[in-house]
Amino acid sequence: MTRVDATIYHNPRCSTSRKALQKLRDAGIEPTVVKYLDEPYTTEQLTGLIADAGLTVRQAARRRESLYSELGLEGKSDEEMLAEMVTHPILVERPFVVTDKGTRLARPLEALDEIL
């Protein structure tokens, strides 16, 4: 098996994030784990992850988070939304996983198959 370098932007309190981490480990990959709530994204980093995953800012936003509606993000521009996501990383959908084969938002988990 070839060695795969991987990074997961992880929230240990999120069941999908925990399942994605386990899926990586089950595939024999011990990823770099970035707890993005403790080590927030930079604007450049988040912009890159979203673009590399082939998503829009809106697709990467966690709309079910109460803060999303509290901040009125539905009517905001992509730039305003991205700024709020950097300020409040809980607003970022999770988990992003990066390997040498690409970047995916692991929702659904099967999206990881494309980059393992």
PDB file of N, CA and C in Angstrom:
ATOM      1  N   MET A   1       0.854  -1.184   0.000  1.00  0.00           N
ATOM      2  CA  MET A   1       0.000   0.000   0.000  1.00  0.00           C
ATOM      3  C   MET A   1       0.894   1.240   0.000  1.00  0.00           C
ATOM      4  N   THR A   2       0.553   2.204  -0.849  1.00  0.00           N
ATOM      5  CA  THR A   2       1.336   3.426  -0.893  1.00  0.00           C
ATOM      6  C   THR A   2       0.931   4.336   0.254  1.00  0.00           C
ATOM      7  N   ARG A   3       1.899   5.074   0.728  1.00  0.00           N
ATOM      8  CA  ARG A   3       1.646   5.984   1.843  1.00  0.00           C
ATOM      9  C   ARG A   3       0.863   7.191   1.348  1.00  0.00           C
ATOM     10  N   VAL A   4      -0.191   7.536   2.077  1.00  0.00           N
ATOM     11  CA  VAL A   4      -1.011   8.691   1.731  1.00  0.00           C
ATOM     12  C   VAL A   4      -0.904   9.709   2.860  1.00  0.00           C
ATOM     13  N   ASP A   5      -0.502  10.923   2.506  1.00  0.00           N
ATOM     14  CA  ASP A   5      -0.516  12.008   3.485  1.00  0.00           C
ATOM     15  C   ASP A   5      -1.918  12.589   3.492  1.00  0.00           C
ATOM     16  N   ALA A   6      -2.461  12.787   4.670  1.00  0.00           N
ATOM     17  CA  ALA A   6      -3.816  13.316   4.772  1.00  0.00           C
ATOM     18  C   ALA A   6      -3.911  14.272   5.951  1.00  0.00           C
ATOM     19  N   THR A   7      -4.796  15.241   5.800  1.00  0.00           N
ATOM     20  CA  THR A   7      -5.120  16.173   6.874  1.00  0.00           C
ATOM     21  C   THR A   7      -6.635  16.212   6.982  1.00  0.00           C
ATOM     22  N   ILE A   8      -7.133  16.133   8.213  1.00  0.00           N
ATOM     23  CA  ILE A   8      -8.563  16.279   8.447  1.00  0.00           C
ATOM     24  C   ILE A   8      -8.762  17.496   9.345  1.00  0.00           C
ATOM     25  N   TYR A   9      -9.691  18.353   8.921  1.00  0.00           N
ATOM     26  CA  TYR A   9     -10.086  19.510   9.723  1.00  0.00           C
ATOM     27  C   TYR A   9     -11.259  19.033  10.557  1.00  0.00           C
ATOM     28  N   HIS A  10     -10.979  18.760  11.813  1.00  0.00           N
ATOM     29  CA  HIS A  10     -11.798  17.907  12.660  1.00  0.00           C
ATOM     30  C   HIS A  10     -12.469  18.656  13.803  1.00  0.00           C
ATOM     31  N   ASN A  11     -13.713  18.257  14.052  1.00  0.00           N
ATOM     32  CA  ASN A  11     -14.424  18.683  15.257  1.00  0.00           C
ATOM     33  C   ASN A  11     -14.796  17.408  15.995  1.00  0.00           C
ATOM     34  N   PRO A  12     -14.121  17.087  17.105  1.00  0.00           N
ATOM     35  CA  PRO A  12     -14.363  15.830  17.807  1.00  0.00           C
ATOM     36  C   PRO A  12     -15.804  15.671  18.308  1.00  0.00           C
ATOM     37  N   ARG A  13     -16.543  16.758  18.414  1.00  0.00           N
ATOM     38  CA  ARG A  13     -17.924  16.674  18.894  1.00  0.00           C
ATOM     39  C   ARG A  13     -18.906  16.307  17.773  1.00  0.00           C
ATOM     40  N   CYS A  14     -18.444  16.282  16.534  1.00  0.00           N
ATOM     41  CA  CYS A  14     -19.292  16.006  15.373  1.00  0.00           C
ATOM     42  C   CYS A  14     -19.180  14.533  14.988  1.00  0.00           C
ATOM     43  N   SER A  15     -20.308  13.841  14.934  1.00  0.00           N
ATOM     44  CA  SER A  15     -20.275  12.405  14.614  1.00  0.00           C
ATOM     45  C   SER A  15     -19.760  12.156  13.195  1.00  0.00           C
ATOM     46  N   THR A  16     -20.112  13.004  12.239  1.00  0.00           N
ATOM     47  CA  THR A  16     -19.619  12.816  10.872  1.00  0.00           C
ATOM     48  C   THR A  16     -18.104  12.998  10.827  1.00  0.00           C
ATOM     49  N   SER A  17     -17.594  13.948  11.566  1.00  0.00           N
ATOM     50  CA  SER A  17     -16.156  14.173  11.611  1.00  0.00           C
ATOM     51  C   SER A  17     -15.447  12.971  12.247  1.00  0.00           C
ATOM     52  N   ARG A  18     -16.021  12.445  13.311  1.00  0.00           N
ATOM     53  CA  ARG A  18     -15.435  11.253  13.955  1.00  0.00           C
ATOM     54  C   ARG A  18     -15.464  10.059  13.004  1.00  0.00           C
ATOM     55  N   LYS A  19     -16.549   9.889  12.256  1.00  0.00           N
ATOM     56  CA  LYS A  19     -16.650   8.772  11.300  1.00  0.00           C
ATOM     57  C   LYS A  19     -15.636   8.934  10.169  1.00  0.00           C
ATOM     58  N   ALA A  20     -15.426  10.171   9.720  1.00  0.00           N
ATOM     59  CA  ALA A  20     -14.447  10.416   8.658  1.00  0.00           C
ATOM     60  C   ALA A  20     -13.041  10.085   9.146  1.00  0.00           C
ATOM     61  N   LEU A  21     -12.722  10.480  10.365  1.00  0.00           N
ATOM     62  CA  LEU A  21     -11.413  10.160  10.938  1.00  0.00           C
ATOM     63  C   LEU A  21     -11.235   8.650  11.028  1.00  0.00           C
ATOM     64  N   GLN A  22     -12.270   7.951  11.464  1.00  0.00           N
ATOM     65  CA  GLN A  22     -12.194   6.487  11.558  1.00  0.00           C
ATOM     66  C   GLN A  22     -12.042   5.850  10.179  1.00  0.00           C
ATOM     67  N   LYS A  23     -12.735   6.392   9.185  1.00  0.00           N
ATOM     68  CA  LYS A  23     -12.626   5.867   7.815  1.00  0.00           C
ATOM     69  C   LYS A  23     -11.191   5.994   7.305  1.00  0.00           C
ATOM     70  N   LEU A  24     -10.541   7.128   7.603  1.00  0.00           N
ATOM     71  CA  LEU A  24      -9.141   7.299   7.215  1.00  0.00           C
ATOM     72  C   LEU A  24      -8.271   6.256   7.911  1.00  0.00           C
ATOM     73  N   ARG A  25      -8.483   6.101   9.199  1.00  0.00           N
ATOM     74  CA  ARG A  25      -7.678   5.128   9.957  1.00  0.00           C
ATOM     75  C   ARG A  25      -7.941   3.707   9.491  1.00  0.00           C
ATOM     76  N   ASP A  26      -9.188   3.390   9.162  1.00  0.00           N
ATOM     77  CA  ASP A  26      -9.524   2.057   8.648  1.00  0.00           C
ATOM     78  C   ASP A  26      -8.834   1.797   7.312  1.00  0.00           C
ATOM     79  N   ALA A  27      -8.539   2.877   6.572  1.00  0.00           N
ATOM     80  CA  ALA A  27      -7.837   2.754   5.291  1.00  0.00           C
ATOM     81  C   ALA A  27      -6.317   2.731   5.488  1.00  0.00           C
ATOM     82  N   GLY A  28      -5.880   2.694   6.755  1.00  0.00           N
ATOM     83  CA  GLY A  28      -4.450   2.630   7.039  1.00  0.00           C
ATOM     84  C   GLY A  28      -3.758   3.979   7.010  1.00  0.00           C
ATOM     85  N   ILE A  29      -4.536   5.047   7.112  1.00  0.00           N
ATOM     86  CA  ILE A  29      -3.991   6.402   7.063  1.00  0.00           C
ATOM     87  C   ILE A  29      -4.107   7.038   8.442  1.00  0.00           C
ATOM     88  N   GLU A  30      -2.990   7.522   8.958  1.00  0.00           N
ATOM     89  CA  GLU A  30      -3.026   8.284  10.210  1.00  0.00           C
ATOM     90  C   GLU A  30      -2.845   9.754   9.824  1.00  0.00           C
ATOM     91  N   PRO A  31      -3.956  10.482   9.730  1.00  0.00           N
ATOM     92  CA  PRO A  31      -3.890  11.848   9.221  1.00  0.00           C
ATOM     93  C   PRO A  31      -3.378  12.848  10.254  1.00  0.00           C
ATOM     94  N   THR A  32      -2.959  13.989   9.753  1.00  0.00           N
ATOM     95  CA  THR A  32      -2.734  15.145  10.611  1.00  0.00           C
ATOM     96  C   THR A  32      -4.121  15.639  10.990  1.00  0.00           C
ATOM     97  N   VAL A  33      -4.362  15.798  12.273  1.00  0.00           N
ATOM     98  CA  VAL A  33      -5.675  16.231  12.750  1.00  0.00           C
ATOM     99  C   VAL A  33      -5.578  17.697  13.169  1.00  0.00           C
ATOM    100  N   VAL A  34      -6.347  18.536  12.487  1.00  0.00           N
ATOM    101  CA  VAL A  34      -6.408  19.955  12.819  1.00  0.00           C
ATOM    102  C   VAL A  34      -7.770  20.212  13.452  1.00  0.00           C
ATOM    103  N   LYS A  35      -7.745  20.546  14.728  1.00  0.00           N
ATOM    104  CA  LYS A  35      -8.994  20.888  15.419  1.00  0.00           C
ATOM    105  C   LYS A  35      -9.268  22.358  15.132  1.00  0.00           C
ATOM    106  N   TYR A  36     -10.031  22.583  14.066  1.00  0.00           N
ATOM    107  CA  TYR A  36     -10.181  23.934  13.540  1.00  0.00           C
ATOM    108  C   TYR A  36     -10.923  24.889  14.478  1.00  0.00           C
ATOM    109  N   LEU A  37     -11.616  24.367  15.473  1.00  0.00           N
ATOM    110  CA  LEU A  37     -12.227  25.276  16.451  1.00  0.00           C
ATOM    111  C   LEU A  37     -11.167  25.829  17.400  1.00  0.00           C
ATOM    112  N   ASP A  38     -10.070  25.071  17.576  1.00  0.00           N
ATOM    113  CA  ASP A  38      -8.950  25.522  18.411  1.00  0.00           C
ATOM    114  C   ASP A  38      -7.907  26.289  17.596  1.00  0.00           C
ATOM    115  N   GLU A  39      -7.751  25.894  16.325  1.00  0.00           N
ATOM    116  CA  GLU A  39      -6.803  26.537  15.409  1.00  0.00           C
ATOM    117  C   GLU A  39      -7.601  27.050  14.221  1.00  0.00           C
ATOM    118  N   PRO A  40      -8.250  28.207  14.352  1.00  0.00           N
ATOM    119  CA  PRO A  40      -9.156  28.682  13.300  1.00  0.00           C
ATOM    120  C   PRO A  40      -8.484  28.837  11.941  1.00  0.00           C
ATOM    121  N   TYR A  41      -9.315  28.738  10.923  1.00  0.00           N
ATOM    122  CA  TYR A  41      -8.868  28.930   9.544  1.00  0.00           C
ATOM    123  C   TYR A  41      -8.435  30.377   9.317  1.00  0.00           C
ATOM    124  N   THR A  42      -7.495  30.551   8.398  1.00  0.00           N
ATOM    125  CA  THR A  42      -7.238  31.882   7.852  1.00  0.00           C
ATOM    126  C   THR A  42      -8.167  32.028   6.648  1.00  0.00           C
ATOM    127  N   THR A  43      -8.364  33.249   6.205  1.00  0.00           N
ATOM    128  CA  THR A  43      -9.206  33.471   5.027  1.00  0.00           C
ATOM    129  C   THR A  43      -8.642  32.729   3.826  1.00  0.00           C
ATOM    130  N   GLU A  44      -7.324  32.815   3.633  1.00  0.00           N
ATOM    131  CA  GLU A  44      -6.689  32.162   2.485  1.00  0.00           C
ATOM    132  C   GLU A  44      -6.848  30.641   2.567  1.00  0.00           C
ATOM    133  N   GLN A  45      -6.663  30.102   3.754  1.00  0.00           N
ATOM    134  CA  GLN A  45      -6.761  28.656   3.948  1.00  0.00           C
ATOM    135  C   GLN A  45      -8.182  28.167   3.649  1.00  0.00           C
ATOM    136  N   LEU A  46      -9.178  28.840   4.209  1.00  0.00           N
ATOM    137  CA  LEU A  46     -10.557  28.414   4.000  1.00  0.00           C
ATOM    138  C   LEU A  46     -10.975  28.593   2.547  1.00  0.00           C
ATOM    139  N   THR A  47     -10.567  29.695   1.941  1.00  0.00           N
ATOM    140  CA  THR A  47     -10.864  29.922   0.523  1.00  0.00           C
ATOM    141  C   THR A  47     -10.277  28.796  -0.320  1.00  0.00           C
ATOM    142  N   GLY A  48      -9.039  28.405  -0.016  1.00  0.00           N
ATOM    143  CA  GLY A  48      -8.381  27.323  -0.752  1.00  0.00           C
ATOM    144  C   GLY A  48      -9.077  25.986  -0.570  1.00  0.00           C
ATOM    145  N   LEU A  49      -9.454  25.645   0.658  1.00  0.00           N
ATOM    146  CA  LEU A  49     -10.150  24.376   0.911  1.00  0.00           C
ATOM    147  C   LEU A  49     -11.462  24.315   0.148  1.00  0.00           C
ATOM    148  N   ILE A  50     -12.223  25.396   0.196  1.00  0.00           N
ATOM    149  CA  ILE A  50     -13.521  25.435  -0.483  1.00  0.00           C
ATOM    150  C   ILE A  50     -13.340  25.276  -1.985  1.00  0.00           C
ATOM    151  N   ALA A  51     -12.396  26.030  -2.551  1.00  0.00           N
ATOM    152  CA  ALA A  51     -12.143  25.951  -3.998  1.00  0.00           C
ATOM    153  C   ALA A  51     -11.625  24.576  -4.396  1.00  0.00           C
ATOM    154  N   ASP A  52     -10.668  24.046  -3.634  1.00  0.00           N
ATOM    155  CA  ASP A  52     -10.080  22.741  -3.957  1.00  0.00           C
ATOM    156  C   ASP A  52     -11.114  21.614  -3.879  1.00  0.00           C
ATOM    157  N   ALA A  53     -12.120  21.788  -3.017  1.00  0.00           N
ATOM    158  CA  ALA A  53     -13.172  20.779  -2.891  1.00  0.00           C
ATOM    159  C   ALA A  53     -14.257  20.962  -3.955  1.00  0.00           C
ATOM    160  N   GLY A  54     -14.137  22.030  -4.762  1.00  0.00           N
ATOM    161  CA  GLY A  54     -15.115  22.273  -5.814  1.00  0.00           C
ATOM    162  C   GLY A  54     -16.444  22.788  -5.287  1.00  0.00           C
ATOM    163  N   LEU A  55     -16.394  23.497  -4.171  1.00  0.00           N
ATOM    164  CA  LEU A  55     -17.611  24.003  -3.544  1.00  0.00           C
ATOM    165  C   LEU A  55     -17.710  25.513  -3.671  1.00  0.00           C
ATOM    166  N   THR A  56     -18.904  26.022  -3.390  1.00  0.00           N
ATOM    167  CA  THR A  56     -19.081  27.453  -3.238  1.00  0.00           C
ATOM    168  C   THR A  56     -19.015  27.757  -1.742  1.00  0.00           C
ATOM    169  N   VAL A  57     -18.865  29.031  -1.414  1.00  0.00           N
ATOM    170  CA  VAL A  57     -18.845  29.429  -0.006  1.00  0.00           C
ATOM    171  C   VAL A  57     -20.151  28.978   0.661  1.00  0.00           C
ATOM    172  N   ARG A  58     -21.268  29.161  -0.028  1.00  0.00           N
ATOM    173  CA  ARG A  58     -22.567  28.759   0.544  1.00  0.00           C
ATOM    174  C   ARG A  58     -22.642  27.262   0.806  1.00  0.00           C
ATOM    175  N   GLN A  59     -22.084  26.457  -0.088  1.00  0.00           N
ATOM    176  CA  GLN A  59     -22.102  25.001   0.106  1.00  0.00           C
ATOM    177  C   GLN A  59     -21.240  24.587   1.290  1.00  0.00           C
ATOM    178  N   ALA A  60     -20.249  25.387   1.619  1.00  0.00           N
ATOM    179  CA  ALA A  60     -19.347  25.067   2.726  1.00  0.00           C
ATOM    180  C   ALA A  60     -19.832  25.633   4.060  1.00  0.00           C
ATOM    181  N   ALA A  61     -20.908  26.407   4.016  1.00  0.00           N
ATOM    182  CA  ALA A  61     -21.436  26.999   5.245  1.00  0.00           C
ATOM    183  C   ALA A  61     -22.383  26.015   5.932  1.00  0.00           C
ATOM    184  N   ARG A  62     -22.290  25.986   7.220  1.00  0.00           N
ATOM    185  CA  ARG A  62     -23.131  25.101   8.028  1.00  0.00           C
ATOM    186  C   ARG A  62     -24.436  25.841   8.354  1.00  0.00           C
ATOM    187  N   ARG A  63     -25.412  25.676   7.470  1.00  0.00           N
ATOM    188  CA  ARG A  63     -26.669  26.413   7.587  1.00  0.00           C
ATOM    189  C   ARG A  63     -27.504  25.988   8.785  1.00  0.00           C
ATOM    190  N   ARG A  64     -27.314  24.776   9.264  1.00  0.00           N
ATOM    191  CA  ARG A  64     -28.102  24.282  10.411  1.00  0.00           C
ATOM    192  C   ARG A  64     -27.621  24.872  11.739  1.00  0.00           C
ATOM    193  N   GLU A  65     -26.475  25.509  11.707  1.00  0.00           N
ATOM    194  CA  GLU A  65     -25.940  26.121  12.930  1.00  0.00           C
ATOM    195  C   GLU A  65     -26.787  27.344  13.281  1.00  0.00           C
ATOM    196  N   SER A  66     -27.219  27.460  14.527  1.00  0.00           N
ATOM    197  CA  SER A  66     -28.093  28.578  14.923  1.00  0.00           C
ATOM    198  C   SER A  66     -27.448  29.931  14.647  1.00  0.00           C
ATOM    199  N   LEU A  67     -26.130  30.017  14.761  1.00  0.00           N
ATOM    200  CA  LEU A  67     -25.418  31.261  14.516  1.00  0.00           C
ATOM    201  C   LEU A  67     -25.615  31.750  13.074  1.00  0.00           C
ATOM    202  N   TYR A  68     -25.834  30.818  12.152  1.00  0.00           N
ATOM    203  CA  TYR A  68     -26.058  31.158  10.745  1.00  0.00           C
ATOM    204  C   TYR A  68     -27.245  32.115  10.611  1.00  0.00           C
ATOM    205  N   SER A  69     -28.359  31.756  11.231  1.00  0.00           N
ATOM    206  CA  SER A  69     -29.538  32.622  11.145  1.00  0.00           C
ATOM    207  C   SER A  69     -29.401  33.840  12.056  1.00  0.00           C
ATOM    208  N   GLU A  70     -28.759  33.664  13.200  1.00  0.00           N
ATOM    209  CA  GLU A  70     -28.563  34.801  14.111  1.00  0.00           C
ATOM    210  C   GLU A  70     -27.782  35.927  13.440  1.00  0.00           C
ATOM    211  N   LEU A  71     -26.819  35.560  12.600  1.00  0.00           N
ATOM    212  CA  LEU A  71     -26.001  36.552  11.903  1.00  0.00           C
ATOM    213  C   LEU A  71     -26.636  37.009  10.586  1.00  0.00           C
ATOM    214  N   GLY A  72     -27.766  36.392  10.221  1.00  0.00           N
ATOM    215  CA  GLY A  72     -28.446  36.756   8.973  1.00  0.00           C
ATOM    216  C   GLY A  72     -27.621  36.448   7.740  1.00  0.00           C
ATOM    217  N   LEU A  73     -26.940  35.307   7.730  1.00  0.00           N
ATOM    218  CA  LEU A  73     -26.027  35.001   6.629  1.00  0.00           C
ATOM    219  C   LEU A  73     -26.730  34.707   5.312  1.00  0.00           C
ATOM    220  N   GLU A  74     -27.989  34.332   5.351  1.00  0.00           N
ATOM    221  CA  GLU A  74     -28.699  33.996   4.115  1.00  0.00           C
ATOM    222  C   GLU A  74     -28.647  35.145   3.111  1.00  0.00           C
ATOM    223  N   GLY A  75     -28.725  36.384   3.599  1.00  0.00           N
ATOM    224  CA  GLY A  75     -28.734  37.534   2.704  1.00  0.00           C
ATOM    225  C   GLY A  75     -27.375  38.157   2.452  1.00  0.00           C
ATOM    226  N   LYS A  76     -26.321  37.568   2.978  1.00  0.00           N
ATOM    227  CA  LYS A  76     -24.975  38.151   2.860  1.00  0.00           C
ATOM    228  C   LYS A  76     -24.295  37.727   1.561  1.00  0.00           C
ATOM    229  N   SER A  77     -23.322  38.514   1.151  1.00  0.00           N
ATOM    230  CA  SER A  77     -22.500  38.160  -0.012  1.00  0.00           C
ATOM    231  C   SER A  77     -21.554  37.028   0.380  1.00  0.00           C
ATOM    232  N   ASP A  78     -20.956  36.397  -0.626  1.00  0.00           N
ATOM    233  CA  ASP A  78     -19.982  35.339  -0.351  1.00  0.00           C
ATOM    234  C   ASP A  78     -18.824  35.868   0.487  1.00  0.00           C
ATOM    235  N   GLU A  79     -18.374  37.078   0.201  1.00  0.00           N
ATOM    236  CA  GLU A  79     -17.248  37.661   0.927  1.00  0.00           C
ATOM    237  C   GLU A  79     -17.615  37.881   2.400  1.00  0.00           C
ATOM    238  N   GLU A  80     -18.828  38.390   2.636  1.00  0.00           N
ATOM    239  CA  GLU A  80     -19.279  38.606   4.014  1.00  0.00           C
ATOM    240  C   GLU A  80     -19.441  37.275   4.745  1.00  0.00           C
ATOM    241  N   MET A  81     -19.995  36.292   4.022  1.00  0.00           N
ATOM    242  CA  MET A  81     -20.183  34.978   4.629  1.00  0.00           C
ATOM    243  C   MET A  81     -18.838  34.344   4.972  1.00  0.00           C
ATOM    244  N   LEU A  82     -17.883  34.428   4.067  1.00  0.00           N
ATOM    245  CA  LEU A  82     -16.555  33.864   4.308  1.00  0.00           C
ATOM    246  C   LEU A  82     -15.907  34.531   5.524  1.00  0.00           C
ATOM    247  N   ALA A  83     -16.038  35.847   5.633  1.00  0.00           N
ATOM    248  CA  ALA A  83     -15.468  36.558   6.776  1.00  0.00           C
ATOM    249  C   ALA A  83     -16.083  36.057   8.085  1.00  0.00           C
ATOM    250  N   GLU A  84     -17.391  35.824   8.099  1.00  0.00           N
ATOM    251  CA  GLU A  84     -18.050  35.298   9.304  1.00  0.00           C
ATOM    252  C   GLU A  84     -17.601  33.868   9.598  1.00  0.00           C
ATOM    253  N   MET A  85     -17.365  33.074   8.548  1.00  0.00           N
ATOM    254  CA  MET A  85     -16.915  31.691   8.735  1.00  0.00           C
ATOM    255  C   MET A  85     -15.501  31.656   9.328  1.00  0.00           C
ATOM    256  N   VAL A  86     -14.667  32.605   8.931  1.00  0.00           N
ATOM    257  CA  VAL A  86     -13.318  32.684   9.495  1.00  0.00           C
ATOM    258  C   VAL A  86     -13.400  33.137  10.956  1.00  0.00           C
ATOM    259  N   THR A  87     -14.256  34.104  11.221  1.00  0.00           N
ATOM    260  CA  THR A  87     -14.430  34.617  12.588  1.00  0.00           C
ATOM    261  C   THR A  87     -15.078  33.579  13.499  1.00  0.00           C
ATOM    262  N   HIS A  88     -16.037  32.837  12.947  1.00  0.00           N
ATOM    263  CA  HIS A  88     -16.800  31.834  13.713  1.00  0.00           C
ATOM    264  C   HIS A  88     -16.671  30.483  12.999  1.00  0.00           C
ATOM    265  N   PRO A  89     -15.574  29.754  13.226  1.00  0.00           N
ATOM    266  CA  PRO A  89     -15.349  28.513  12.472  1.00  0.00           C
ATOM    267  C   PRO A  89     -16.430  27.448  12.669  1.00  0.00           C
ATOM    268  N   ILE A  90     -17.273  27.572  13.679  1.00  0.00           N
ATOM    269  CA  ILE A  90     -18.381  26.628  13.862  1.00  0.00           C
ATOM    270  C   ILE A  90     -19.336  26.700  12.664  1.00  0.00           C
ATOM    271  N   LEU A  91     -19.255  27.791  11.896  1.00  0.00           N
ATOM    272  CA  LEU A  91     -20.121  27.967  10.729  1.00  0.00           C
ATOM    273  C   LEU A  91     -19.641  27.201   9.500  1.00  0.00           C
ATOM    274  N   VAL A  92     -18.467  26.587   9.581  1.00  0.00           N
ATOM    275  CA  VAL A  92     -17.920  25.846   8.448  1.00  0.00           C
ATOM    276  C   VAL A  92     -18.400  24.400   8.523  1.00  0.00           C
ATOM    277  N   GLU A  93     -18.965  23.918   7.411  1.00  0.00           N
ATOM    278  CA  GLU A  93     -19.386  22.520   7.341  1.00  0.00           C
ATOM    279  C   GLU A  93     -18.162  21.650   7.541  1.00  0.00           C
ATOM    280  N   ARG A  94     -18.346  20.469   8.067  1.00  0.00           N
ATOM    281  CA  ARG A  94     -17.204  19.626   8.419  1.00  0.00           C
ATOM    282  C   ARG A  94     -17.465  18.169   8.106  1.00  0.00           C
ATOM    283  N   PRO A  95     -16.383  17.439   8.001  1.00  0.00           N
ATOM    284  CA  PRO A  95     -14.968  17.818   8.001  1.00  0.00           C
ATOM    285  C   PRO A  95     -14.420  17.944   6.582  1.00  0.00           C
ATOM    286  N   PHE A  96     -13.488  18.843   6.402  1.00  0.00           N
ATOM    287  CA  PHE A  96     -12.701  18.879   5.172  1.00  0.00           C
ATOM    288  C   PHE A  96     -11.562  17.885   5.354  1.00  0.00           C
ATOM    289  N   VAL A  97     -11.279  17.132   4.298  1.00  0.00           N
ATOM    290  CA  VAL A  97     -10.162  16.189   4.304  1.00  0.00           C
ATOM    291  C   VAL A  97      -9.325  16.468   3.067  1.00  0.00           C
ATOM    292  N   VAL A  98      -8.006  16.532   3.267  1.00  0.00           N
ATOM    293  CA  VAL A  98      -7.071  16.797   2.176  1.00  0.00           C
ATOM    294  C   VAL A  98      -6.090  15.637   2.084  1.00  0.00           C
ATOM    295  N   THR A  99      -5.940  15.073   0.884  1.00  0.00           N
ATOM    296  CA  THR A  99      -4.890  14.082   0.619  1.00  0.00           C
ATOM    297  C   THR A  99      -4.158  14.533  -0.645  1.00  0.00           C
ATOM    298  N   ASP A 100      -3.122  13.767  -1.038  1.00  0.00           N
ATOM    299  CA  ASP A 100      -2.395  14.115  -2.261  1.00  0.00           C
ATOM    300  C   ASP A 100      -3.307  14.001  -3.480  1.00  0.00           C
ATOM    301  N   LYS A 101      -4.438  13.313  -3.346  1.00  0.00           N
ATOM    302  CA  LYS A 101      -5.360  13.131  -4.468  1.00  0.00           C
ATOM    303  C   LYS A 101      -6.441  14.203  -4.530  1.00  0.00           C
ATOM    304  N   GLY A 102      -6.490  15.084  -3.534  1.00  0.00           N
ATOM    305  CA  GLY A 102      -7.482  16.147  -3.602  1.00  0.00           C
ATOM    306  C   GLY A 102      -8.050  16.523  -2.245  1.00  0.00           C
ATOM    307  N   THR A 103      -9.060  17.373  -2.297  1.00  0.00           N
ATOM    308  CA  THR A 103      -9.730  17.879  -1.103  1.00  0.00           C
ATOM    309  C   THR A 103     -11.214  17.589  -1.237  1.00  0.00           C
ATOM    310  N   ARG A 104     -11.817  17.102  -0.160  1.00  0.00           N
ATOM    311  CA  ARG A 104     -13.253  16.850  -0.163  1.00  0.00           C
ATOM    312  C   ARG A 104     -13.847  17.268   1.170  1.00  0.00           C
ATOM    313  N   LEU A 105     -15.091  17.697   1.096  1.00  0.00           N
ATOM    314  CA  LEU A 105     -15.905  17.856   2.283  1.00  0.00           C
ATOM    315  C   LEU A 105     -16.564  16.491   2.457  1.00  0.00           C
ATOM    316  N   ALA A 106     -16.326  15.849   3.583  1.00  0.00           N
ATOM    317  CA  ALA A 106     -16.778  14.454   3.777  1.00  0.00           C
ATOM    318  C   ALA A 106     -18.258  14.386   4.142  1.00  0.00           C
ATOM    319  N   ARG A 107     -19.073  14.969   3.307  1.00  0.00           N
ATOM    320  CA  ARG A 107     -20.531  14.885   3.442  1.00  0.00           C
ATOM    321  C   ARG A 107     -21.075  14.632   2.062  1.00  0.00           C
ATOM    322  N   PRO A 108     -21.484  13.456   1.719  1.00  0.00           N
ATOM    323  CA  PRO A 108     -21.489  12.257   2.560  1.00  0.00           C
ATOM    324  C   PRO A 108     -20.083  11.680   2.714  1.00  0.00           C
ATOM    325  N   LEU A 109     -19.960  10.754   3.651  1.00  0.00           N
ATOM    326  CA  LEU A 109     -18.655  10.138   3.920  1.00  0.00           C
ATOM    327  C   LEU A 109     -18.052   9.496   2.673  1.00  0.00           C
ATOM    328  N   GLU A 110     -18.898   9.000   1.788  1.00  0.00           N
ATOM    329  CA  GLU A 110     -18.417   8.332   0.573  1.00  0.00           C
ATOM    330  C   GLU A 110     -17.592   9.264  -0.314  1.00  0.00           C
ATOM    331  N   ALA A 111     -17.738  10.572  -0.114  1.00  0.00           N
ATOM    332  CA  ALA A 111     -16.930  11.532  -0.890  1.00  0.00           C
ATOM    333  C   ALA A 111     -15.440  11.305  -0.655  1.00  0.00           C
ATOM    334  N   LEU A 112     -15.097  10.737   0.508  1.00  0.00           N
ATOM    335  CA  LEU A 112     -13.683  10.468   0.805  1.00  0.00           C
ATOM    336  C   LEU A 112     -13.098   9.403  -0.116  1.00  0.00           C
ATOM    337  N   ASP A 113     -13.937   8.493  -0.603  1.00  0.00           N
ATOM    338  CA  ASP A 113     -13.442   7.419  -1.467  1.00  0.00           C
ATOM    339  C   ASP A 113     -12.695   7.972  -2.680  1.00  0.00           C
ATOM    340  N   GLU A 114     -13.107   9.163  -3.142  1.00  0.00           N
ATOM    341  CA  GLU A 114     -12.490   9.759  -4.316  1.00  0.00           C
ATOM    342  C   GLU A 114     -11.046  10.194  -4.078  1.00  0.00           C
ATOM    343  N   ILE A 115     -10.664  10.381  -2.810  1.00  0.00           N
ATOM    344  CA  ILE A 115      -9.318  10.912  -2.552  1.00  0.00           C
ATOM    345  C   ILE A 115      -8.476   9.961  -1.689  1.00  0.00           C
ATOM    346  N   LEU A 116      -8.964   8.742  -1.477  1.00  0.00           N
ATOM    347  CA  LEU A 116      -8.171   7.768  -0.711  1.00  0.00           C
ATOM    348  C   LEU A 116      -7.382   6.866  -1.624  1.00  0.00           C
TER     349      LEU A 116
END
